[in-house]
């Protein structure tokens, strides 16, 4: 992210996740080498924006569909993990 990383970050973008989703995000941070959930989210959005600039409107639609499916898949996986942990108790 070159020079933008050196500048201050005056804007805040936030979204809410539940405890199990946050736990999964922290695992992804470790696996991806991100230093924080914020860095992971920022890099993911940056990648998404970069791809859409390259691909134009068709790329935006494709990226949004991919993102939507990824979110659905993650929710499903999180629910399975939570269910299996509850079953073990």
PDB file of N, CA and C in Angstrom:
ATOM      1  N   UNK A   1       0.825  -1.189   0.000  1.00  0.00           N
ATOM      2  CA  UNK A   1       0.000   0.000   0.000  1.00  0.00           C
ATOM      3  C   UNK A   1       0.869   1.252   0.000  1.00  0.00           C
ATOM      4  N   UNK A   2       2.077   1.157  -0.234  1.00  0.00           N
ATOM      5  CA  UNK A   2       3.074   2.193  -0.443  1.00  0.00           C
ATOM      6  C   UNK A   2       2.847   3.472   0.346  1.00  0.00           C
ATOM      7  N   UNK A   3       2.733   4.612  -0.368  1.00  0.00           N
ATOM      8  CA  UNK A   3       2.717   5.911   0.293  1.00  0.00           C
ATOM      9  C   UNK A   3       1.484   6.127   1.171  1.00  0.00           C
ATOM     10  N   UNK A   4       0.359   5.481   0.859  1.00  0.00           N
ATOM     11  CA  UNK A   4      -0.818   5.671   1.700  1.00  0.00           C
ATOM     12  C   UNK A   4      -0.605   5.099   3.090  1.00  0.00           C
ATOM     13  N   UNK A   5       0.282   4.115   3.210  1.00  0.00           N
ATOM     14  CA  UNK A   5       0.566   3.554   4.523  1.00  0.00           C
ATOM     15  C   UNK A   5       1.329   4.546   5.394  1.00  0.00           C
ATOM     16  N   UNK A   6       2.079   5.425   4.765  1.00  0.00           N
ATOM     17  CA  UNK A   6       2.884   6.382   5.501  1.00  0.00           C
ATOM     18  C   UNK A   6       2.065   7.579   5.971  1.00  0.00           C
ATOM     19  N   UNK A   7       0.961   7.845   5.319  1.00  0.00           N
ATOM     20  CA  UNK A   7       0.107   8.967   5.688  1.00  0.00           C
ATOM     21  C   UNK A   7      -0.791   8.565   6.841  1.00  0.00           C
ATOM     22  N   UNK A   8      -1.342   9.563   7.530  1.00  0.00           N
ATOM     23  CA  UNK A   8      -2.307   9.274   8.581  1.00  0.00           C
ATOM     24  C   UNK A   8      -3.576   8.700   7.963  1.00  0.00           C
ATOM     25  N   UNK A   9      -4.358   8.072   8.771  1.00  0.00           N
ATOM     26  CA  UNK A   9      -5.615   7.496   8.303  1.00  0.00           C
ATOM     27  C   UNK A   9      -6.745   8.218   9.027  1.00  0.00           C
ATOM     28  N   UNK A  10      -7.230   9.328   8.448  1.00  0.00           N
ATOM     29  CA  UNK A  10      -8.209  10.146   9.160  1.00  0.00           C
ATOM     30  C   UNK A  10      -9.642   9.620   9.138  1.00  0.00           C
ATOM     31  N   UNK A  11      -9.951   8.641   8.339  1.00  0.00           N
ATOM     32  CA  UNK A  11     -11.317   8.128   8.244  1.00  0.00           C
ATOM     33  C   UNK A  11     -11.431   6.775   8.925  1.00  0.00           C
ATOM     34  N   UNK A  12     -12.595   6.545   9.515  1.00  0.00           N
ATOM     35  CA  UNK A  12     -12.857   5.273  10.176  1.00  0.00           C
ATOM     36  C   UNK A  12     -14.011   4.581   9.470  1.00  0.00           C
ATOM     37  N   UNK A  13     -13.826   3.312   9.170  1.00  0.00           N
ATOM     38  CA  UNK A  13     -14.882   2.472   8.619  1.00  0.00           C
ATOM     39  C   UNK A  13     -15.028   1.314   9.595  1.00  0.00           C
ATOM     40  N   UNK A  14     -16.256   1.035  10.012  1.00  0.00           N
ATOM     41  CA  UNK A  14     -16.425  -0.039  10.985  1.00  0.00           C
ATOM     42  C   UNK A  14     -17.616  -0.914  10.624  1.00  0.00           C
ATOM     43  N   UNK A  15     -17.583  -2.120  11.145  1.00  0.00           N
ATOM     44  CA  UNK A  15     -18.707  -3.039  11.026  1.00  0.00           C
ATOM     45  C   UNK A  15     -18.666  -3.953  12.232  1.00  0.00           C
ATOM     46  N   UNK A  16     -19.809  -4.506  12.558  1.00  0.00           N
ATOM     47  CA  UNK A  16     -19.919  -5.330  13.760  1.00  0.00           C
ATOM     48  C   UNK A  16     -19.864  -6.816  13.405  1.00  0.00           C
ATOM     49  N   UNK A  17     -19.239  -7.572  14.292  1.00  0.00           N
ATOM     50  CA  UNK A  17     -19.207  -9.027  14.188  1.00  0.00           C
ATOM     51  C   UNK A  17     -19.485  -9.588  15.576  1.00  0.00           C
ATOM     52  N   UNK A  18     -19.987 -10.813  15.620  1.00  0.00           N
ATOM     53  CA  UNK A  18     -20.188 -11.414  16.934  1.00  0.00           C
ATOM     54  C   UNK A  18     -18.875 -12.051  17.394  1.00  0.00           C
ATOM     55  N   UNK A  19     -18.878 -12.580  18.598  1.00  0.00           N
ATOM     56  CA  UNK A  19     -17.653 -13.111  19.198  1.00  0.00           C
ATOM     57  C   UNK A  19     -17.029 -14.231  18.369  1.00  0.00           C
ATOM     58  N   UNK A  20     -17.860 -15.126  17.858  1.00  0.00           N
ATOM     59  CA  UNK A  20     -17.298 -16.245  17.081  1.00  0.00           C
ATOM     60  C   UNK A  20     -16.737 -15.761  15.747  1.00  0.00           C
ATOM     61  N   UNK A  21     -17.381 -14.787  15.133  1.00  0.00           N
ATOM     62  CA  UNK A  21     -16.856 -14.230  13.882  1.00  0.00           C
ATOM     63  C   UNK A  21     -15.519 -13.536  14.134  1.00  0.00           C
ATOM     64  N   UNK A  22     -15.437 -12.814  15.244  1.00  0.00           N
ATOM     65  CA  UNK A  22     -14.185 -12.131  15.584  1.00  0.00           C
ATOM     66  C   UNK A  22     -13.063 -13.142  15.817  1.00  0.00           C
ATOM     67  N   UNK A  23     -13.394 -14.216  16.488  1.00  0.00           N
ATOM     68  CA  UNK A  23     -12.400 -15.271  16.723  1.00  0.00           C
ATOM     69  C   UNK A  23     -11.884 -15.828  15.398  1.00  0.00           C
ATOM     70  N   UNK A  24     -12.792 -16.042  14.460  1.00  0.00           N
ATOM     71  CA  UNK A  24     -12.386 -16.541  13.148  1.00  0.00           C
ATOM     72  C   UNK A  24     -11.520 -15.509  12.414  1.00  0.00           C
ATOM     73  N   UNK A  25     -11.872 -14.237  12.531  1.00  0.00           N
ATOM     74  CA  UNK A  25     -11.064 -13.192  11.899  1.00  0.00           C
ATOM     75  C   UNK A  25      -9.651 -13.168  12.471  1.00  0.00           C
ATOM     76  N   UNK A  26      -9.527 -13.347  13.776  1.00  0.00           N
ATOM     77  CA  UNK A  26      -8.188 -13.355  14.369  1.00  0.00           C
ATOM     78  C   UNK A  26      -7.379 -14.550  13.887  1.00  0.00           C
ATOM     79  N   UNK A  27      -8.043 -15.680  13.654  1.00  0.00           N
ATOM     80  CA  UNK A  27      -7.344 -16.847  13.103  1.00  0.00           C
ATOM     81  C   UNK A  27      -6.861 -16.561  11.682  1.00  0.00           C
ATOM     82  N   UNK A  28      -7.691 -15.884  10.899  1.00  0.00           N
ATOM     83  CA  UNK A  28      -7.304 -15.524   9.536  1.00  0.00           C
ATOM     84  C   UNK A  28      -6.136 -14.543   9.574  1.00  0.00           C
ATOM     85  N   UNK A  29      -6.134 -13.636  10.546  1.00  0.00           N
ATOM     86  CA  UNK A  29      -5.012 -12.696  10.706  1.00  0.00           C
ATOM     87  C   UNK A  29      -3.699 -13.446  10.880  1.00  0.00           C
ATOM     88  N   UNK A  30      -3.713 -14.398  11.780  1.00  0.00           N
ATOM     89  CA  UNK A  30      -2.506 -15.180  12.046  1.00  0.00           C
ATOM     90  C   UNK A  30      -2.080 -15.926  10.780  1.00  0.00           C
ATOM     91  N   UNK A  31      -3.044 -16.560  10.128  1.00  0.00           N
ATOM     92  CA  UNK A  31      -2.729 -17.354   8.928  1.00  0.00           C
ATOM     93  C   UNK A  31      -2.224 -16.480   7.784  1.00  0.00           C
ATOM     94  N   UNK A  32      -2.736 -15.267   7.674  1.00  0.00           N
ATOM     95  CA  UNK A  32      -2.364 -14.402   6.550  1.00  0.00           C
ATOM     96  C   UNK A  32      -1.162 -13.519   6.841  1.00  0.00           C
ATOM     97  N   UNK A  33      -0.784 -13.446   8.120  1.00  0.00           N
ATOM     98  CA  UNK A  33       0.344 -12.591   8.479  1.00  0.00           C
ATOM     99  C   UNK A  33      -0.053 -11.155   8.789  1.00  0.00           C
ATOM    100  N   UNK A  34      -1.345 -10.863   8.793  1.00  0.00           N
ATOM    101  CA  UNK A  34      -1.799  -9.519   9.143  1.00  0.00           C
ATOM    102  C   UNK A  34      -1.538  -9.291  10.626  1.00  0.00           C
ATOM    103  N   UNK A  35      -1.198  -8.054  10.977  1.00  0.00           N
ATOM    104  CA  UNK A  35      -0.871  -7.749  12.363  1.00  0.00           C
ATOM    105  C   UNK A  35      -2.107  -7.473  13.207  1.00  0.00           C
ATOM    106  N   UNK A  36      -3.249  -7.232  12.546  1.00  0.00           N
ATOM    107  CA  UNK A  36      -4.477  -6.944  13.288  1.00  0.00           C
ATOM    108  C   UNK A  36      -5.680  -7.207  12.383  1.00  0.00           C
ATOM    109  N   UNK A  37      -6.846  -7.268  13.003  1.00  0.00           N
ATOM    110  CA  UNK A  37      -8.081  -7.417  12.229  1.00  0.00           C
ATOM    111  C   UNK A  37      -8.261  -6.191  11.335  1.00  0.00           C
ATOM    112  N   UNK A  38      -7.909  -5.017  11.841  1.00  0.00           N
ATOM    113  CA  UNK A  38      -8.010  -3.796  11.039  1.00  0.00           C
ATOM    114  C   UNK A  38      -7.146  -3.886   9.785  1.00  0.00           C
ATOM    115  N   UNK A  39      -5.919  -4.366   9.956  1.00  0.00           N
ATOM    116  CA  UNK A  39      -5.027  -4.494   8.801  1.00  0.00           C
ATOM    117  C   UNK A  39      -5.586  -5.500   7.799  1.00  0.00           C
ATOM    118  N   UNK A  40      -6.104  -6.612   8.297  1.00  0.00           N
ATOM    119  CA  UNK A  40      -6.700  -7.621   7.424  1.00  0.00           C
ATOM    120  C   UNK A  40      -7.859  -7.021   6.628  1.00  0.00           C
ATOM    121  N   UNK A  41      -8.756  -6.323   7.311  1.00  0.00           N
ATOM    122  CA  UNK A  41      -9.916  -5.721   6.647  1.00  0.00           C
ATOM    123  C   UNK A  41      -9.477  -4.658   5.646  1.00  0.00           C
ATOM    124  N   UNK A  42      -8.545  -3.805   6.050  1.00  0.00           N
ATOM    125  CA  UNK A  42      -8.061  -2.740   5.175  1.00  0.00           C
ATOM    126  C   UNK A  42      -7.419  -3.331   3.914  1.00  0.00           C
ATOM    127  N   UNK A  43      -6.574  -4.343   4.081  1.00  0.00           N
ATOM    128  CA  UNK A  43      -5.923  -4.970   2.931  1.00  0.00           C
ATOM    129  C   UNK A  43      -6.938  -5.649   2.019  1.00  0.00           C
ATOM    130  N   UNK A  44      -7.944  -6.288   2.608  1.00  0.00           N
ATOM    131  CA  UNK A  44      -8.969  -6.962   1.810  1.00  0.00           C
ATOM    132  C   UNK A  44      -9.768  -5.966   0.986  1.00  0.00           C
ATOM    133  N   UNK A  45     -10.141  -4.861   1.607  1.00  0.00           N
ATOM    134  CA  UNK A  45     -10.888  -3.832   0.882  1.00  0.00           C
ATOM    135  C   UNK A  45     -10.007  -3.192  -0.189  1.00  0.00           C
ATOM    136  N   UNK A  46      -8.752  -2.935   0.142  1.00  0.00           N
ATOM    137  CA  UNK A  46      -7.817  -2.372  -0.831  1.00  0.00           C
ATOM    138  C   UNK A  46      -7.699  -3.284  -2.047  1.00  0.00           C
ATOM    139  N   UNK A  47      -7.549  -4.588  -1.802  1.00  0.00           N
ATOM    140  CA  UNK A  47      -7.466  -5.550  -2.907  1.00  0.00           C
ATOM    141  C   UNK A  47      -8.733  -5.526  -3.749  1.00  0.00           C
ATOM    142  N   UNK A  48      -9.874  -5.480  -3.088  1.00  0.00           N
ATOM    143  CA  UNK A  48     -11.152  -5.429  -3.794  1.00  0.00           C
ATOM    144  C   UNK A  48     -11.239  -4.174  -4.653  1.00  0.00           C
ATOM    145  N   UNK A  49     -10.872  -3.032  -4.098  1.00  0.00           N
ATOM    146  CA  UNK A  49     -10.919  -1.778  -4.854  1.00  0.00           C
ATOM    147  C   UNK A  49      -9.949  -1.800  -6.022  1.00  0.00           C
ATOM    148  N   UNK A  50      -8.777  -2.345  -5.810  1.00  0.00           N
ATOM    149  CA  UNK A  50      -7.780  -2.407  -6.879  1.00  0.00           C
ATOM    150  C   UNK A  50      -8.280  -3.267  -8.044  1.00  0.00           C
ATOM    151  N   UNK A  51      -8.875  -4.411  -7.725  1.00  0.00           N
ATOM    152  CA  UNK A  51      -9.402  -5.283  -8.780  1.00  0.00           C
ATOM    153  C   UNK A  51     -10.507  -4.608  -9.557  1.00  0.00           C
ATOM    154  N   UNK A  52     -11.362  -3.848  -8.875  1.00  0.00           N
ATOM    155  CA  UNK A  52     -12.476  -3.217  -9.578  1.00  0.00           C
ATOM    156  C   UNK A  52     -11.988  -2.093 -10.487  1.00  0.00           C
ATOM    157  N   UNK A  53     -10.921  -1.403 -10.117  1.00  0.00           N
ATOM    158  CA  UNK A  53     -10.371  -0.367 -10.989  1.00  0.00           C
ATOM    159  C   UNK A  53      -9.846  -0.988 -12.279  1.00  0.00           C
ATOM    160  N   UNK A  54      -9.254  -2.141 -12.161  1.00  0.00           N
ATOM    161  CA  UNK A  54      -8.683  -2.822 -13.322  1.00  0.00           C
ATOM    162  C   UNK A  54      -9.780  -3.381 -14.233  1.00  0.00           C
ATOM    163  N   UNK A  55     -10.818  -3.959 -13.640  1.00  0.00           N
ATOM    164  CA  UNK A  55     -11.837  -4.670 -14.400  1.00  0.00           C
ATOM    165  C   UNK A  55     -13.044  -3.830 -14.804  1.00  0.00           C
ATOM    166  N   UNK A  56     -13.211  -2.625 -14.277  1.00  0.00           N
ATOM    167  CA  UNK A  56     -14.365  -1.792 -14.609  1.00  0.00           C
ATOM    168  C   UNK A  56     -15.638  -2.283 -13.946  1.00  0.00           C
ATOM    169  N   UNK A  57     -16.797  -1.874 -14.496  1.00  0.00           N
ATOM    170  CA  UNK A  57     -18.094  -2.213 -13.911  1.00  0.00           C
ATOM    171  C   UNK A  57     -18.321  -3.716 -13.814  1.00  0.00           C
ATOM    172  N   UNK A  58     -17.935  -4.449 -14.823  1.00  0.00           N
ATOM    173  CA  UNK A  58     -18.108  -5.902 -14.783  1.00  0.00           C
ATOM    174  C   UNK A  58     -17.302  -6.480 -13.624  1.00  0.00           C
ATOM    175  N   UNK A  59     -16.145  -5.913 -13.383  1.00  0.00           N
ATOM    176  CA  UNK A  59     -15.311  -6.358 -12.278  1.00  0.00           C
ATOM    177  C   UNK A  59     -15.950  -6.064 -10.932  1.00  0.00           C
ATOM    178  N   UNK A  60     -16.599  -4.910 -10.828  1.00  0.00           N
ATOM    179  CA  UNK A  60     -17.283  -4.548  -9.587  1.00  0.00           C
ATOM    180  C   UNK A  60     -18.369  -5.565  -9.279  1.00  0.00           C
ATOM    181  N   UNK A  61     -19.170  -5.871 -10.280  1.00  0.00           N
ATOM    182  CA  UNK A  61     -20.256  -6.834 -10.096  1.00  0.00           C
ATOM    183  C   UNK A  61     -19.697  -8.198  -9.707  1.00  0.00           C
ATOM    184  N   UNK A  62     -18.669  -8.634 -10.392  1.00  0.00           N
ATOM    185  CA  UNK A  62     -18.058  -9.931 -10.101  1.00  0.00           C
ATOM    186  C   UNK A  62     -17.463  -9.951  -8.690  1.00  0.00           C
ATOM    187  N   UNK A  63     -16.770  -8.881  -8.322  1.00  0.00           N
ATOM    188  CA  UNK A  63     -16.171  -8.818  -6.991  1.00  0.00           C
ATOM    189  C   UNK A  63     -17.236  -8.812  -5.905  1.00  0.00           C
ATOM    190  N   UNK A  64     -18.307  -8.080  -6.121  1.00  0.00           N
ATOM    191  CA  UNK A  64     -19.383  -8.047  -5.128  1.00  0.00           C
ATOM    192  C   UNK A  64     -20.046  -9.410  -4.998  1.00  0.00           C
ATOM    193  N   UNK A  65     -20.238 -10.095  -6.103  1.00  0.00           N
ATOM    194  CA  UNK A  65     -20.811 -11.446  -6.038  1.00  0.00           C
ATOM    195  C   UNK A  65     -19.878 -12.394  -5.311  1.00  0.00           C
ATOM    196  N   UNK A  66     -18.597 -12.284  -5.613  1.00  0.00           N
ATOM    197  CA  UNK A  66     -17.602 -13.123  -4.944  1.00  0.00           C
ATOM    198  C   UNK A  66     -17.562 -12.817  -3.459  1.00  0.00           C
ATOM    199  N   UNK A  67     -17.569 -11.531  -3.124  1.00  0.00           N
ATOM    200  CA  UNK A  67     -17.562 -11.127  -1.722  1.00  0.00           C
ATOM    201  C   UNK A  67     -18.810 -11.627  -1.006  1.00  0.00           C
ATOM    202  N   UNK A  68     -19.955 -11.496  -1.639  1.00  0.00           N
ATOM    203  CA  UNK A  68     -21.207 -11.966  -1.054  1.00  0.00           C
ATOM    204  C   UNK A  68     -21.151 -13.470  -0.794  1.00  0.00           C
ATOM    205  N   UNK A  69     -20.656 -14.227  -1.750  1.00  0.00           N
ATOM    206  CA  UNK A  69     -20.562 -15.675  -1.577  1.00  0.00           C
ATOM    207  C   UNK A  69     -19.561 -16.034  -0.485  1.00  0.00           C
ATOM    208  N   UNK A  70     -18.455 -15.316  -0.432  1.00  0.00           N
ATOM    209  CA  UNK A  70     -17.452 -15.563   0.601  1.00  0.00           C
ATOM    210  C   UNK A  70     -18.030 -15.315   1.987  1.00  0.00           C
ATOM    211  N   UNK A  71     -18.792 -14.244   2.133  1.00  0.00           N
ATOM    212  CA  UNK A  71     -19.430 -13.942   3.416  1.00  0.00           C
ATOM    213  C   UNK A  71     -20.410 -15.048   3.786  1.00  0.00           C
ATOM    214  N   UNK A  72     -21.206 -15.502   2.821  1.00  0.00           N
ATOM    215  CA  UNK A  72     -22.143 -16.594   3.084  1.00  0.00           C
ATOM    216  C   UNK A  72     -21.403 -17.854   3.509  1.00  0.00           C
ATOM    217  N   UNK A  73     -20.316 -18.175   2.817  1.00  0.00           N
ATOM    218  CA  UNK A  73     -19.525 -19.358   3.152  1.00  0.00           C
ATOM    219  C   UNK A  73     -18.924 -19.245   4.552  1.00  0.00           C
ATOM    220  N   UNK A  74     -18.384 -18.066   4.873  1.00  0.00           N
ATOM    221  CA  UNK A  74     -17.797 -17.867   6.203  1.00  0.00           C
ATOM    222  C   UNK A  74     -18.847 -17.988   7.295  1.00  0.00           C
ATOM    223  N   UNK A  75     -20.024 -17.420   7.067  1.00  0.00           N
ATOM    224  CA  UNK A  75     -21.096 -17.537   8.060  1.00  0.00           C
ATOM    225  C   UNK A  75     -21.462 -18.992   8.286  1.00  0.00           C
ATOM    226  N   UNK A  76     -21.547 -19.747   7.204  1.00  0.00           N
ATOM    227  CA  UNK A  76     -21.873 -21.163   7.311  1.00  0.00           C
ATOM    228  C   UNK A  76     -20.804 -21.904   8.097  1.00  0.00           C
ATOM    229  N   UNK A  77     -19.542 -21.632   7.792  1.00  0.00           N
ATOM    230  CA  UNK A  77     -18.448 -22.293   8.502  1.00  0.00           C
ATOM    231  C   UNK A  77     -18.444 -21.914   9.975  1.00  0.00           C
ATOM    232  N   UNK A  78     -18.675 -20.648  10.262  1.00  0.00           N
ATOM    233  CA  UNK A  78     -18.707 -20.187  11.653  1.00  0.00           C
ATOM    234  C   UNK A  78     -19.834 -20.870  12.408  1.00  0.00           C
ATOM    235  N   UNK A  79     -21.006 -20.969  11.792  1.00  0.00           N
ATOM    236  CA  UNK A  79     -22.138 -21.637  12.441  1.00  0.00           C
ATOM    237  C   UNK A  79     -21.814 -23.095  12.726  1.00  0.00           C
ATOM    238  N   UNK A  80     -21.140 -23.769  11.784  1.00  0.00           N
ATOM    239  CA  UNK A  80     -20.758 -25.165  11.992  1.00  0.00           C
ATOM    240  C   UNK A  80     -19.777 -25.303  13.143  1.00  0.00           C
ATOM    241  N   UNK A  81     -18.812 -24.403  13.214  1.00  0.00           N
ATOM    242  CA  UNK A  81     -17.819 -24.446  14.288  1.00  0.00           C
ATOM    243  C   UNK A  81     -18.486 -24.213  15.635  1.00  0.00           C
ATOM    244  N   UNK A  82     -19.344 -23.207  15.689  1.00  0.00           N
ATOM    245  CA  UNK A  82     -20.048 -22.897  16.937  1.00  0.00           C
ATOM    246  C   UNK A  82     -20.932 -24.068  17.350  1.00  0.00           C
ATOM    247  N   UNK A  83     -21.654 -24.655  16.402  1.00  0.00           N
ATOM    248  CA  UNK A  83     -22.520 -25.800  16.707  1.00  0.00           C
ATOM    249  C   UNK A  83     -21.727 -26.985  17.227  1.00  0.00           C
ATOM    250  N   UNK A  84     -20.602 -27.265  16.595  1.00  0.00           N
ATOM    251  CA  UNK A  84     -19.794 -28.410  17.036  1.00  0.00           C
ATOM    252  C   UNK A  84     -19.205 -28.163  18.419  1.00  0.00           C
ATOM    253  N   UNK A  85     -18.840 -26.934  18.704  1.00  0.00           N
ATOM    254  CA  UNK A  85     -18.311 -26.619  20.044  1.00  0.00           C
ATOM    255  C   UNK A  85     -19.401 -26.723  21.096  1.00  0.00           C
ATOM    256  N   UNK A  86     -20.594 -26.286  20.761  1.00  0.00           N
ATOM    257  CA  UNK A  86     -21.712 -26.392  21.711  1.00  0.00           C
ATOM    258  C   UNK A  86     -22.073 -27.841  21.953  1.00  0.00           C
ATOM    259  N   UNK A  87     -21.989 -28.663  20.926  1.00  0.00           N
ATOM    260  CA  UNK A  87     -22.324 -30.079  21.050  1.00  0.00           C
ATOM    261  C   UNK A  87     -21.322 -30.807  21.956  1.00  0.00           C
ATOM    262  N   UNK A  88     -20.091 -30.341  21.973  1.00  0.00           N
ATOM    263  CA  UNK A  88     -19.043 -30.980  22.784  1.00  0.00           C
ATOM    264  C   UNK A  88     -19.192 -30.656  24.263  1.00  0.00           C
ATOM    265  N   UNK A  89     -19.942 -29.603  24.569  1.00  0.00           N
ATOM    266  CA  UNK A  89     -20.077 -29.186  25.982  1.00  0.00           C
ATOM    267  C   UNK A  89     -20.991 -30.056  26.738  1.00  0.00           C
TER     268      UNK A  89
END
